[in-house]
Amino acid sequence: MQKDDSWITGHYLDGMGAAEKMNGALLPKDLAGERCVWVQLNMNEFAAQIWLREESRLPEVVVEALLAEETRPRCMMVNDGVLLNLRGVNMNPGADPADMVSVQIYGERRLIVSAQRRRLRAVNDVEKHLHDGTGPKDVGELLADLSDSLSERMSHVVANINDQVDQLEEALVNENAQQNRHGLQELRREVIGLRRYIAPQREAMAALAGENISWVPALERQQIRSSADRLTLFVEEIDLVRERAAIIQDELSSNQSERMNKNMYVLAIISGIFLPLTLITGLLGINVAGIPGADWPWAFAAVTGLMVLFGIGELFLLRRLHWF
């Protein structure tokens, strides 16, 4: 979550787009202060859990929600505060974007607490803006910027998925079917993982935008609504990718069936040509008296020539019948 080893960090928002980084030891007495505070918790640290349970003085339902390890996106009002469980795409090096990272957020008029167990670059983007002096000015704007940053990071992943399905469609004819099938399986797995959380997150953001929260101005509420609309677009694009992937899967199966049918057809033609010849050689190969030509030295050559002529005749007949 943070690059340093601190178990808890926070920022005082100065109301001008910048922030002053605070020491975690000061948090218990500063939470009820006059300045807006953003507290960031690394929930892998036991000290952060102890602080949240014993010193934060947050409502019990909020504490339990922030401590939860596995959560689905949701929005819930707690008195005049709002509790959000959101997910962000995993952009860490070597990570799977579909393995979405959970971030639990609780916001009040002058306080916002975010809890994570893994680094989330969308949250780091907002923190960087504060360090640059271009960040949110109050808690309402901070909440809106966090939701917007999460959506922005998702847009890159959704665009990449669209590019992948475009490449699969273009390579469907030219590339090896097995390679296409492997790429398609990976794509469908990634799409399923993304939709699992993006769809309920859209509902959570829409619910947040619809709440009449006194400390979230109309402009920030509109920004949150825009983030919900973007999530709706992402869900629609993911559904479209799923449909396109299903079409590609059908095309791959159709191509494979067509190749198998062609191979079976060739084998049937070969079997049809050699079946009469096999019958002749079988009859002449039985060890009984009276086989024609048994005492004639040219019998083998004559039979062989006859079978060659017979095979050529079969090929000519099948050709005339347009069987191949």
C-alpha atoms as a PDB file:
ATOM      1  CA  MET A   1       0.000   0.000   0.000  1.00  0.00           C
ATOM      2  CA  GLN A   2       2.618   2.494   1.036  1.00  0.00           C
ATOM      3  CA  LYS A   3       6.222   2.399   0.008  1.00  0.00           C
ATOM      4  CA  ASP A   4       7.444   3.020   3.567  1.00  0.00           C
ATOM      5  CA  ASP A   5       7.091   0.617   6.483  1.00  0.00           C
ATOM      6  CA  SER A   6       4.549   2.674   8.389  1.00  0.00           C
ATOM      7  CA  TRP A   7       1.509   0.712   9.568  1.00  0.00           C
ATOM      8  CA  ILE A   8      -0.706   3.771   9.327  1.00  0.00           C
ATOM      9  CA  THR A   9      -0.455   7.072   7.484  1.00  0.00           C
ATOM     10  CA  GLY A  10      -2.695  10.017   6.912  1.00  0.00           C
ATOM     11  CA  HIS A  11      -3.002  13.492   5.473  1.00  0.00           C
ATOM     12  CA  TYR A  12      -4.434  16.806   6.608  1.00  0.00           C
ATOM     13  CA  LEU A  13      -6.215  18.387   3.654  1.00  0.00           C
ATOM     14  CA  ASP A  14      -5.396  22.098   3.490  1.00  0.00           C
ATOM     15  CA  GLY A  15      -8.507  22.989   1.457  1.00  0.00           C
ATOM     16  CA  MET A  16      -6.381  24.182  -1.484  1.00  0.00           C
ATOM     17  CA  GLY A  17      -5.605  20.845  -3.159  1.00  0.00           C
ATOM     18  CA  ALA A  18      -2.534  19.939  -1.091  1.00  0.00           C
ATOM     19  CA  ALA A  19      -2.047  17.971   2.104  1.00  0.00           C
ATOM     20  CA  GLU A  20       0.284  17.639   5.060  1.00  0.00           C
ATOM     21  CA  LYS A  21       1.373  14.106   5.837  1.00  0.00           C
ATOM     22  CA  MET A  22       0.742  13.182   9.454  1.00  0.00           C
ATOM     23  CA  ASN A  23       2.328  10.762  11.872  1.00  0.00           C
ATOM     24  CA  GLY A  24       0.180   7.766  12.750  1.00  0.00           C
ATOM     25  CA  ALA A  25       0.817   8.293  16.460  1.00  0.00           C
ATOM     26  CA  LEU A  26      -1.183  11.550  16.341  1.00  0.00           C
ATOM     27  CA  LEU A  27      -4.300  10.084  14.791  1.00  0.00           C
ATOM     28  CA  PRO A  28      -6.391   9.227  17.894  1.00  0.00           C
ATOM     29  CA  LYS A  29      -6.631  12.858  19.039  1.00  0.00           C
ATOM     30  CA  ASP A  30      -6.698  14.394  15.552  1.00  0.00           C
ATOM     31  CA  LEU A  31      -9.659  12.477  14.145  1.00  0.00           C
ATOM     32  CA  ALA A  32     -12.120  14.811  15.800  1.00  0.00           C
ATOM     33  CA  GLY A  33     -10.223  17.954  14.775  1.00  0.00           C
ATOM     34  CA  GLU A  34     -11.376  20.822  12.595  1.00  0.00           C
ATOM     35  CA  ARG A  35      -9.257  19.910   9.596  1.00  0.00           C
ATOM     36  CA  CYS A  36     -10.213  17.277   7.050  1.00  0.00           C
ATOM     37  CA  VAL A  37      -8.247  14.068   7.557  1.00  0.00           C
ATOM     38  CA  TRP A  38      -7.564  11.156   5.232  1.00  0.00           C
ATOM     39  CA  VAL A  39      -6.384   8.048   7.101  1.00  0.00           C
ATOM     40  CA  GLN A  40      -4.840   5.157   5.149  1.00  0.00           C
ATOM     41  CA  LEU A  41      -4.571   1.756   6.796  1.00  0.00           C
ATOM     42  CA  ASN A  42      -2.568  -1.286   5.794  1.00  0.00           C
ATOM     43  CA  MET A  43      -4.770  -4.019   7.219  1.00  0.00           C
ATOM     44  CA  ASN A  44      -1.989  -6.595   6.988  1.00  0.00           C
ATOM     45  CA  GLU A  45      -0.420  -4.888   9.994  1.00  0.00           C
ATOM     46  CA  PHE A  46      -1.706  -6.029  13.383  1.00  0.00           C
ATOM     47  CA  ALA A  47      -1.082  -2.576  14.873  1.00  0.00           C
ATOM     48  CA  ALA A  48      -3.480  -1.040  12.345  1.00  0.00           C
ATOM     49  CA  GLN A  49      -6.187  -3.498  13.356  1.00  0.00           C
ATOM     50  CA  ILE A  50      -5.640  -2.703  17.039  1.00  0.00           C
ATOM     51  CA  TRP A  51      -5.831   1.033  16.347  1.00  0.00           C
ATOM     52  CA  LEU A  52      -9.022   0.592  14.356  1.00  0.00           C
ATOM     53  CA  ARG A  53     -10.704  -1.486  17.067  1.00  0.00           C
ATOM     54  CA  GLU A  54      -9.556   0.357  20.182  1.00  0.00           C
ATOM     55  CA  GLU A  55      -8.563   3.916  19.302  1.00  0.00           C
ATOM     56  CA  SER A  56     -10.420   5.066  16.197  1.00  0.00           C
ATOM     57  CA  ARG A  57     -13.783   5.508  17.988  1.00  0.00           C
ATOM     58  CA  LEU A  58     -15.584   4.620  14.746  1.00  0.00           C
ATOM     59  CA  PRO A  59     -18.983   2.852  14.848  1.00  0.00           C
ATOM     60  CA  GLU A  60     -18.711  -0.896  15.373  1.00  0.00           C
ATOM     61  CA  VAL A  61     -20.347  -1.699  12.039  1.00  0.00           C
ATOM     62  CA  VAL A  62     -17.744   0.467  10.310  1.00  0.00           C
ATOM     63  CA  VAL A  63     -14.851  -1.173  12.154  1.00  0.00           C
ATOM     64  CA  GLU A  64     -16.044  -4.662  11.228  1.00  0.00           C
ATOM     65  CA  ALA A  65     -16.514  -3.638   7.589  1.00  0.00           C
ATOM     66  CA  LEU A  66     -13.027  -2.145   7.379  1.00  0.00           C
ATOM     67  CA  LEU A  67     -11.528  -5.303   8.902  1.00  0.00           C
ATOM     68  CA  ALA A  68     -13.294  -7.655   6.478  1.00  0.00           C
ATOM     69  CA  GLU A  69     -10.902  -9.538   4.197  1.00  0.00           C
ATOM     70  CA  GLU A  70     -13.225 -10.472   1.329  1.00  0.00           C
ATOM     71  CA  THR A  71     -15.894  -8.007   0.311  1.00  0.00           C
ATOM     72  CA  ARG A  72     -18.158  -7.364  -2.632  1.00  0.00           C
ATOM     73  CA  PRO A  73     -18.736  -3.769  -3.745  1.00  0.00           C
ATOM     74  CA  ARG A  74     -21.531  -2.071  -1.826  1.00  0.00           C
ATOM     75  CA  CYS A  75     -22.663   1.275  -0.443  1.00  0.00           C
ATOM     76  CA  MET A  76     -24.215   1.728   3.001  1.00  0.00           C
ATOM     77  CA  MET A  77     -25.117   4.838   4.981  1.00  0.00           C
ATOM     78  CA  VAL A  78     -24.046   4.931   8.632  1.00  0.00           C
ATOM     79  CA  ASN A  79     -25.634   7.935  10.349  1.00  0.00           C
ATOM     80  CA  ASP A  80     -24.194  10.919   8.444  1.00  0.00           C
ATOM     81  CA  GLY A  81     -21.321   8.866   7.077  1.00  0.00           C
ATOM     82  CA  VAL A  82     -21.034   6.497   4.143  1.00  0.00           C
ATOM     83  CA  LEU A  83     -19.394   3.083   4.012  1.00  0.00           C
ATOM     84  CA  LEU A  84     -18.092   1.883   0.658  1.00  0.00           C
ATOM     85  CA  ASN A  85     -16.588  -1.428  -0.382  1.00  0.00           C
ATOM     86  CA  LEU A  86     -14.959  -0.941  -3.772  1.00  0.00           C
ATOM     87  CA  ARG A  87     -12.605  -2.847  -6.047  1.00  0.00           C
ATOM     88  CA  GLY A  88      -9.773  -1.665  -8.269  1.00  0.00           C
ATOM     89  CA  VAL A  89      -7.863  -3.439 -11.009  1.00  0.00           C
ATOM     90  CA  ASN A  90      -4.590  -4.963  -9.895  1.00  0.00           C
ATOM     91  CA  MET A  91      -1.894  -3.030 -11.787  1.00  0.00           C
ATOM     92  CA  ASN A  92       1.008  -4.266  -9.678  1.00  0.00           C
ATOM     93  CA  PRO A  93       3.933  -5.778 -11.678  1.00  0.00           C
ATOM     94  CA  GLY A  94       3.246  -9.369 -12.716  1.00  0.00           C
ATOM     95  CA  ALA A  95      -0.301  -9.295 -11.315  1.00  0.00           C
ATOM     96  CA  ASP A  96      -3.495 -10.336 -13.057  1.00  0.00           C
ATOM     97  CA  PRO A  97      -5.793  -7.295 -13.599  1.00  0.00           C
ATOM     98  CA  ALA A  98      -8.806  -9.569 -13.045  1.00  0.00           C
ATOM     99  CA  ASP A  99      -7.536 -10.221  -9.504  1.00  0.00           C
ATOM    100  CA  MET A 100      -9.194  -7.029  -8.315  1.00  0.00           C
ATOM    101  CA  VAL A 101      -7.937  -5.385  -5.130  1.00  0.00           C
ATOM    102  CA  SER A 102     -10.409  -4.484  -2.408  1.00  0.00           C
ATOM    103  CA  VAL A 103     -10.472  -1.063  -0.748  1.00  0.00           C
ATOM    104  CA  GLN A 104     -12.891  -0.282   2.086  1.00  0.00           C
ATOM    105  CA  ILE A 105     -13.736   3.388   2.561  1.00  0.00           C
ATOM    106  CA  TYR A 106     -15.597   5.179   5.317  1.00  0.00           C
ATOM    107  CA  GLY A 107     -16.314   8.874   4.984  1.00  0.00           C
ATOM    108  CA  GLU A 108     -17.705  11.575   7.268  1.00  0.00           C
ATOM    109  CA  ARG A 109     -17.802  15.358   6.994  1.00  0.00           C
ATOM    110  CA  ARG A 110     -14.154  15.810   8.017  1.00  0.00           C
ATOM    111  CA  LEU A 111     -12.822  12.275   7.968  1.00  0.00           C
ATOM    112  CA  ILE A 112     -12.229   9.577   5.409  1.00  0.00           C
ATOM    113  CA  VAL A 113     -10.623   6.228   6.232  1.00  0.00           C
ATOM    114  CA  SER A 114      -9.414   3.836   3.535  1.00  0.00           C
ATOM    115  CA  ALA A 115      -8.283   0.295   4.337  1.00  0.00           C
ATOM    116  CA  GLN A 116      -6.345  -2.009   2.015  1.00  0.00           C
ATOM    117  CA  ARG A 117      -4.401  -5.253   2.175  1.00  0.00           C
ATOM    118  CA  ARG A 118      -2.604  -4.793  -1.148  1.00  0.00           C
ATOM    119  CA  ARG A 119      -1.290  -1.797  -3.026  1.00  0.00           C
ATOM    120  CA  LEU A 120      -3.810  -0.082  -5.281  1.00  0.00           C
ATOM    121  CA  ARG A 121      -2.435   2.393  -7.773  1.00  0.00           C
ATOM    122  CA  ALA A 122      -5.734   4.213  -8.134  1.00  0.00           C
ATOM    123  CA  VAL A 123      -5.468   5.257  -4.463  1.00  0.00           C
ATOM    124  CA  ASN A 124      -1.808   6.152  -4.917  1.00  0.00           C
ATOM    125  CA  ASP A 125      -2.782   8.424  -7.821  1.00  0.00           C
ATOM    126  CA  VAL A 126      -4.981  10.533  -5.534  1.00  0.00           C
ATOM    127  CA  GLU A 127      -2.226  10.674  -2.918  1.00  0.00           C
ATOM    128  CA  LYS A 128       0.234  11.852  -5.569  1.00  0.00           C
ATOM    129  CA  HIS A 129      -2.129  14.641  -6.617  1.00  0.00           C
ATOM    130  CA  LEU A 130      -2.238  15.824  -3.014  1.00  0.00           C
ATOM    131  CA  HIS A 131       1.549  15.894  -2.887  1.00  0.00           C
ATOM    132  CA  ASP A 132       1.575  17.895  -6.144  1.00  0.00           C
ATOM    133  CA  GLY A 133      -0.985  20.392  -4.810  1.00  0.00           C
ATOM    134  CA  THR A 134      -3.626  19.399  -7.382  1.00  0.00           C
ATOM    135  CA  GLY A 135      -5.626  17.017  -5.208  1.00  0.00           C
ATOM    136  CA  PRO A 136      -9.042  17.196  -3.530  1.00  0.00           C
ATOM    137  CA  LYS A 137      -9.880  20.103  -1.236  1.00  0.00           C
ATOM    138  CA  ASP A 138     -12.309  18.359   1.125  1.00  0.00           C
ATOM    139  CA  VAL A 139     -13.620  14.937   2.034  1.00  0.00           C
ATOM    140  CA  GLY A 140     -16.455  15.034  -0.503  1.00  0.00           C
ATOM    141  CA  GLU A 141     -14.043  15.825  -3.319  1.00  0.00           C
ATOM    142  CA  LEU A 142     -11.622  13.186  -2.048  1.00  0.00           C
ATOM    143  CA  LEU A 143     -14.363  10.560  -2.178  1.00  0.00           C
ATOM    144  CA  ALA A 144     -15.271  11.625  -5.718  1.00  0.00           C
ATOM    145  CA  ASP A 145     -11.611  11.580  -6.824  1.00  0.00           C
ATOM    146  CA  LEU A 146     -11.098   8.093  -5.405  1.00  0.00           C
ATOM    147  CA  SER A 147     -14.109   6.764  -7.307  1.00  0.00           C
ATOM    148  CA  ASP A 148     -12.996   8.546 -10.477  1.00  0.00           C
ATOM    149  CA  SER A 149      -9.436   7.198 -10.174  1.00  0.00           C
ATOM    150  CA  LEU A 150     -10.716   3.638  -9.747  1.00  0.00           C
ATOM    151  CA  SER A 151     -12.839   4.016 -12.886  1.00  0.00           C
ATOM    152  CA  GLU A 152      -9.960   5.557 -14.846  1.00  0.00           C
ATOM    153  CA  ARG A 153      -7.680   2.619 -14.072  1.00  0.00           C
ATOM    154  CA  MET A 154     -10.418   0.216 -15.148  1.00  0.00           C
ATOM    155  CA  SER A 155     -10.763   1.968 -18.501  1.00  0.00           C
ATOM    156  CA  HIS A 156      -7.238   0.954 -19.505  1.00  0.00           C
ATOM    157  CA  VAL A 157      -7.916  -2.696 -18.688  1.00  0.00           C
ATOM    158  CA  VAL A 158     -11.240  -2.732 -20.557  1.00  0.00           C
ATOM    159  CA  ALA A 159      -9.583  -1.105 -23.582  1.00  0.00           C
ATOM    160  CA  ASN A 160      -6.853  -3.755 -23.471  1.00  0.00           C
ATOM    161  CA  ILE A 161      -9.481  -6.506 -23.399  1.00  0.00           C
ATOM    162  CA  ASN A 162     -11.110  -5.026 -26.496  1.00  0.00           C
ATOM    163  CA  ASP A 163      -7.717  -5.004 -28.212  1.00  0.00           C
ATOM    164  CA  GLN A 164      -7.198  -8.657 -27.284  1.00  0.00           C
ATOM    165  CA  VAL A 165     -10.503  -9.778 -28.761  1.00  0.00           C
ATOM    166  CA  ASP A 166      -9.749  -7.742 -31.915  1.00  0.00           C
ATOM    167  CA  GLN A 167      -6.445  -9.574 -32.290  1.00  0.00           C
ATOM    168  CA  LEU A 168      -8.143 -12.941 -31.779  1.00  0.00           C
ATOM    169  CA  GLU A 169     -10.677 -12.136 -34.471  1.00  0.00           C
ATOM    170  CA  GLU A 170      -7.962 -11.064 -36.908  1.00  0.00           C
ATOM    171  CA  ALA A 171      -5.792 -14.092 -36.166  1.00  0.00           C
ATOM    172  CA  LEU A 172      -8.660 -16.573 -36.335  1.00  0.00           C
ATOM    173  CA  VAL A 173      -7.838 -17.604 -39.913  1.00  0.00           C
ATOM    174  CA  ASN A 174      -4.093 -17.074 -39.996  1.00  0.00           C
ATOM    175  CA  GLU A 175      -2.848 -18.478 -36.687  1.00  0.00           C
ATOM    176  CA  ASN A 176      -2.774 -21.906 -35.156  1.00  0.00           C
ATOM    177  CA  ALA A 177      -6.155 -22.911 -33.737  1.00  0.00           C
ATOM    178  CA  GLN A 178      -4.607 -24.203 -30.505  1.00  0.00           C
ATOM    179  CA  GLN A 179      -2.921 -20.832 -29.877  1.00  0.00           C
ATOM    180  CA  ASN A 180      -6.212 -19.029 -30.510  1.00  0.00           C
ATOM    181  CA  ARG A 181      -8.024 -21.377 -28.172  1.00  0.00           C
ATOM    182  CA  HIS A 182      -5.523 -20.765 -25.358  1.00  0.00           C
ATOM    183  CA  GLY A 183      -5.723 -16.978 -25.800  1.00  0.00           C
ATOM    184  CA  LEU A 184      -9.505 -17.153 -25.862  1.00  0.00           C
ATOM    185  CA  GLN A 185      -9.627 -19.135 -22.624  1.00  0.00           C
ATOM    186  CA  GLU A 186      -7.411 -16.573 -20.883  1.00  0.00           C
ATOM    187  CA  LEU A 187      -9.553 -13.720 -22.197  1.00  0.00           C
ATOM    188  CA  ARG A 188     -12.815 -15.267 -21.041  1.00  0.00           C
ATOM    189  CA  ARG A 189     -11.367 -15.987 -17.603  1.00  0.00           C
ATOM    190  CA  GLU A 190     -10.243 -12.366 -17.277  1.00  0.00           C
ATOM    191  CA  VAL A 191     -13.614 -11.030 -18.431  1.00  0.00           C
ATOM    192  CA  ILE A 192     -15.493 -13.192 -15.919  1.00  0.00           C
ATOM    193  CA  GLY A 193     -13.233 -11.986 -13.094  1.00  0.00           C
ATOM    194  CA  LEU A 194     -13.716  -8.326 -14.006  1.00  0.00           C
ATOM    195  CA  ARG A 195     -17.469  -8.474 -14.432  1.00  0.00           C
ATOM    196  CA  ARG A 196     -17.852 -10.233 -11.090  1.00  0.00           C
ATOM    197  CA  TYR A 197     -16.924  -7.005  -9.298  1.00  0.00           C
ATOM    198  CA  ILE A 198     -17.504  -4.203 -11.821  1.00  0.00           C
ATOM    199  CA  ALA A 199     -21.233  -4.926 -12.107  1.00  0.00           C
ATOM    200  CA  PRO A 200     -21.977  -4.633  -8.343  1.00  0.00           C
ATOM    201  CA  GLN A 201     -19.569  -1.687  -8.104  1.00  0.00           C
ATOM    202  CA  ARG A 202     -21.686   0.126 -10.670  1.00  0.00           C
ATOM    203  CA  GLU A 203     -24.707  -0.373  -8.414  1.00  0.00           C
ATOM    204  CA  ALA A 204     -22.753   0.832  -5.379  1.00  0.00           C
ATOM    205  CA  MET A 205     -21.581   4.000  -7.138  1.00  0.00           C
ATOM    206  CA  ALA A 206     -25.064   4.684  -8.466  1.00  0.00           C
ATOM    207  CA  ALA A 207     -26.441   4.298  -4.937  1.00  0.00           C
ATOM    208  CA  LEU A 208     -23.776   6.675  -3.592  1.00  0.00           C
ATOM    209  CA  ALA A 209     -24.609   9.268  -6.247  1.00  0.00           C
ATOM    210  CA  GLY A 210     -28.290   9.006  -5.340  1.00  0.00           C
ATOM    211  CA  GLU A 211     -27.750   9.582  -1.604  1.00  0.00           C
ATOM    212  CA  ASN A 212     -28.370  13.108  -0.306  1.00  0.00           C
ATOM    213  CA  ILE A 213     -25.154  13.409   1.707  1.00  0.00           C
ATOM    214  CA  SER A 214     -24.822  16.857   3.233  1.00  0.00           C
ATOM    215  CA  TRP A 215     -21.027  17.010   3.039  1.00  0.00           C
ATOM    216  CA  VAL A 216     -20.828  15.937  -0.622  1.00  0.00           C
ATOM    217  CA  PRO A 217     -21.494  19.005  -2.823  1.00  0.00           C
ATOM    218  CA  ALA A 218     -23.565  18.759  -5.993  1.00  0.00           C
ATOM    219  CA  LEU A 219     -20.493  18.978  -8.229  1.00  0.00           C
ATOM    220  CA  GLU A 220     -18.808  16.038  -6.500  1.00  0.00           C
ATOM    221  CA  ARG A 221     -22.075  14.106  -6.559  1.00  0.00           C
ATOM    222  CA  GLN A 222     -22.189  14.641 -10.303  1.00  0.00           C
ATOM    223  CA  GLN A 223     -18.607  13.401 -10.576  1.00  0.00           C
ATOM    224  CA  ILE A 224     -19.574  10.251  -8.672  1.00  0.00           C
ATOM    225  CA  ARG A 225     -22.563   9.801 -10.983  1.00  0.00           C
ATOM    226  CA  SER A 226     -20.226  10.116 -13.972  1.00  0.00           C
ATOM    227  CA  SER A 227     -18.046   7.378 -12.481  1.00  0.00           C
ATOM    228  CA  ALA A 228     -21.138   5.178 -12.132  1.00  0.00           C
ATOM    229  CA  ASP A 229     -22.020   5.871 -15.777  1.00  0.00           C
ATOM    230  CA  ARG A 230     -18.509   4.880 -16.841  1.00  0.00           C
ATOM    231  CA  LEU A 231     -18.853   1.628 -14.912  1.00  0.00           C
ATOM    232  CA  THR A 232     -22.121   0.995 -16.741  1.00  0.00           C
ATOM    233  CA  LEU A 233     -20.266   1.483 -20.012  1.00  0.00           C
ATOM    234  CA  PHE A 234     -17.539  -0.918 -18.854  1.00  0.00           C
ATOM    235  CA  VAL A 235     -20.121  -3.584 -18.017  1.00  0.00           C
ATOM    236  CA  GLU A 236     -21.711  -3.164 -21.454  1.00  0.00           C
ATOM    237  CA  GLU A 237     -18.330  -3.431 -23.161  1.00  0.00           C
ATOM    238  CA  ILE A 238     -17.425  -6.515 -21.118  1.00  0.00           C
ATOM    239  CA  ASP A 239     -20.751  -8.121 -22.052  1.00  0.00           C
ATOM    240  CA  LEU A 240     -20.032  -7.342 -25.700  1.00  0.00           C
ATOM    241  CA  VAL A 241     -16.582  -8.912 -25.370  1.00  0.00           C
ATOM    242  CA  ARG A 242     -18.197 -12.018 -23.873  1.00  0.00           C
ATOM    243  CA  GLU A 243     -20.522 -12.271 -26.869  1.00  0.00           C
ATOM    244  CA  ARG A 244     -17.654 -11.767 -29.327  1.00  0.00           C
ATOM    245  CA  ALA A 245     -15.595 -14.380 -27.472  1.00  0.00           C
ATOM    246  CA  ALA A 246     -18.500 -16.821 -27.709  1.00  0.00           C
ATOM    247  CA  ILE A 247     -18.690 -16.206 -31.468  1.00  0.00           C
ATOM    248  CA  ILE A 248     -14.942 -16.806 -31.797  1.00  0.00           C
ATOM    249  CA  GLN A 249     -15.317 -20.018 -29.783  1.00  0.00           C
ATOM    250  CA  ASP A 250     -18.106 -21.168 -32.107  1.00  0.00           C
ATOM    251  CA  GLU A 251     -15.966 -20.314 -35.134  1.00  0.00           C
ATOM    252  CA  LEU A 252     -13.009 -22.259 -33.742  1.00  0.00           C
ATOM    253  CA  SER A 253     -15.240 -25.250 -33.071  1.00  0.00           C
ATOM    254  CA  SER A 254     -16.744 -24.955 -36.546  1.00  0.00           C
ATOM    255  CA  ASN A 255     -13.298 -24.803 -38.159  1.00  0.00           C
ATOM    256  CA  GLN A 256     -12.147 -27.818 -36.187  1.00  0.00           C
ATOM    257  CA  SER A 257     -15.266 -29.779 -37.154  1.00  0.00           C
ATOM    258  CA  GLU A 258     -14.784 -28.790 -40.796  1.00  0.00           C
ATOM    259  CA  ARG A 259     -11.184 -30.008 -40.761  1.00  0.00           C
ATOM    260  CA  MET A 260     -12.230 -33.283 -39.149  1.00  0.00           C
ATOM    261  CA  ASN A 261     -14.993 -33.747 -41.718  1.00  0.00           C
ATOM    262  CA  LYS A 262     -12.538 -33.135 -44.547  1.00  0.00           C
ATOM    263  CA  ASN A 263     -10.132 -35.672 -43.086  1.00  0.00           C
ATOM    264  CA  MET A 264     -12.916 -38.216 -42.644  1.00  0.00           C
ATOM    265  CA  TYR A 265     -14.073 -37.575 -46.211  1.00  0.00           C
ATOM    266  CA  VAL A 266     -10.584 -38.222 -47.581  1.00  0.00           C
ATOM    267  CA  LEU A 267     -10.356 -41.413 -45.522  1.00  0.00           C
ATOM    268  CA  ALA A 268     -13.784 -42.497 -46.833  1.00  0.00           C
ATOM    269  CA  ILE A 269     -12.651 -41.935 -50.447  1.00  0.00           C
ATOM    270  CA  ILE A 270      -9.459 -43.909 -49.863  1.00  0.00           C
ATOM    271  CA  SER A 271     -11.410 -46.689 -48.172  1.00  0.00           C
ATOM    272  CA  GLY A 272     -13.902 -46.744 -51.054  1.00  0.00           C
ATOM    273  CA  ILE A 273     -11.099 -47.154 -53.594  1.00  0.00           C
ATOM    274  CA  PHE A 274      -9.224 -49.863 -51.761  1.00  0.00           C
ATOM    275  CA  LEU A 275     -12.193 -51.863 -50.480  1.00  0.00           C
ATOM    276  CA  PRO A 276     -12.841 -53.712 -53.810  1.00  0.00           C
ATOM    277  CA  LEU A 277      -9.097 -54.209 -54.299  1.00  0.00           C
ATOM    278  CA  THR A 278      -8.839 -55.665 -50.810  1.00  0.00           C
ATOM    279  CA  LEU A 279     -11.710 -58.034 -51.636  1.00  0.00           C
ATOM    280  CA  ILE A 280      -9.877 -59.303 -54.737  1.00  0.00           C
ATOM    281  CA  THR A 281      -6.583 -59.828 -52.912  1.00  0.00           C
ATOM    282  CA  GLY A 282      -8.432 -61.512 -50.060  1.00  0.00           C
ATOM    283  CA  LEU A 283     -10.124 -63.972 -52.395  1.00  0.00           C
ATOM    284  CA  LEU A 284      -6.880 -64.778 -54.203  1.00  0.00           C
ATOM    285  CA  GLY A 285      -5.017 -65.189 -50.926  1.00  0.00           C
ATOM    286  CA  ILE A 286      -7.052 -68.052 -49.505  1.00  0.00           C
ATOM    287  CA  ASN A 287      -5.243 -71.385 -49.363  1.00  0.00           C
ATOM    288  CA  VAL A 288      -7.698 -73.635 -51.185  1.00  0.00           C
ATOM    289  CA  ALA A 289      -7.386 -75.669 -54.386  1.00  0.00           C
ATOM    290  CA  GLY A 290      -8.571 -74.259 -57.679  1.00  0.00           C
ATOM    291  CA  ILE A 291      -7.333 -70.660 -57.363  1.00  0.00           C
ATOM    292  CA  PRO A 292      -7.194 -69.318 -60.983  1.00  0.00           C
ATOM    293  CA  GLY A 293      -3.645 -68.763 -62.269  1.00  0.00           C
ATOM    294  CA  ALA A 294      -1.958 -70.657 -59.487  1.00  0.00           C
ATOM    295  CA  ASP A 295       0.232 -72.483 -62.020  1.00  0.00           C
ATOM    296  CA  TRP A 296       0.666 -69.586 -64.455  1.00  0.00           C
ATOM    297  CA  PRO A 297       3.980 -67.658 -64.039  1.00  0.00           C
ATOM    298  CA  TRP A 298       2.433 -64.348 -65.213  1.00  0.00           C
ATOM    299  CA  ALA A 299      -0.590 -64.549 -62.949  1.00  0.00           C
ATOM    300  CA  PHE A 300       0.741 -62.119 -60.280  1.00  0.00           C
ATOM    301  CA  ALA A 301       1.633 -59.468 -62.876  1.00  0.00           C
ATOM    302  CA  ALA A 302      -1.706 -59.881 -64.581  1.00  0.00           C
ATOM    303  CA  VAL A 303      -3.675 -59.545 -61.336  1.00  0.00           C
ATOM    304  CA  THR A 304      -1.599 -56.541 -60.278  1.00  0.00           C
ATOM    305  CA  GLY A 305      -2.186 -54.820 -63.605  1.00  0.00           C
ATOM    306  CA  LEU A 306      -5.877 -55.625 -63.409  1.00  0.00           C
ATOM    307  CA  MET A 307      -6.134 -54.051 -59.946  1.00  0.00           C
ATOM    308  CA  VAL A 308      -4.289 -50.944 -61.139  1.00  0.00           C
ATOM    309  CA  LEU A 309      -6.740 -50.593 -64.017  1.00  0.00           C
ATOM    310  CA  PHE A 310      -9.627 -51.237 -61.646  1.00  0.00           C
ATOM    311  CA  GLY A 311      -8.351 -48.534 -59.237  1.00  0.00           C
ATOM    312  CA  ILE A 312      -7.969 -46.023 -62.081  1.00  0.00           C
ATOM    313  CA  GLY A 313     -11.494 -46.830 -63.183  1.00  0.00           C
ATOM    314  CA  GLU A 314     -12.798 -46.188 -59.652  1.00  0.00           C
ATOM    315  CA  LEU A 315     -11.026 -42.837 -59.499  1.00  0.00           C
ATOM    316  CA  PHE A 316     -12.514 -41.854 -62.850  1.00  0.00           C
ATOM    317  CA  LEU A 317     -15.996 -42.902 -61.746  1.00  0.00           C
ATOM    318  CA  LEU A 318     -15.781 -41.016 -58.435  1.00  0.00           C
ATOM    319  CA  ARG A 319     -14.547 -37.972 -60.301  1.00  0.00           C
ATOM    320  CA  ARG A 320     -17.486 -38.134 -62.714  1.00  0.00           C
ATOM    321  CA  LEU A 321     -19.835 -38.362 -59.730  1.00  0.00           C
ATOM    322  CA  HIS A 322     -18.166 -35.253 -58.233  1.00  0.00           C
ATOM    323  CA  TRP A 323     -17.361 -37.027 -55.013  1.00  0.00           C
ATOM    324  CA  PHE A 324     -14.022 -35.197 -54.876  1.00  0.00           C
END
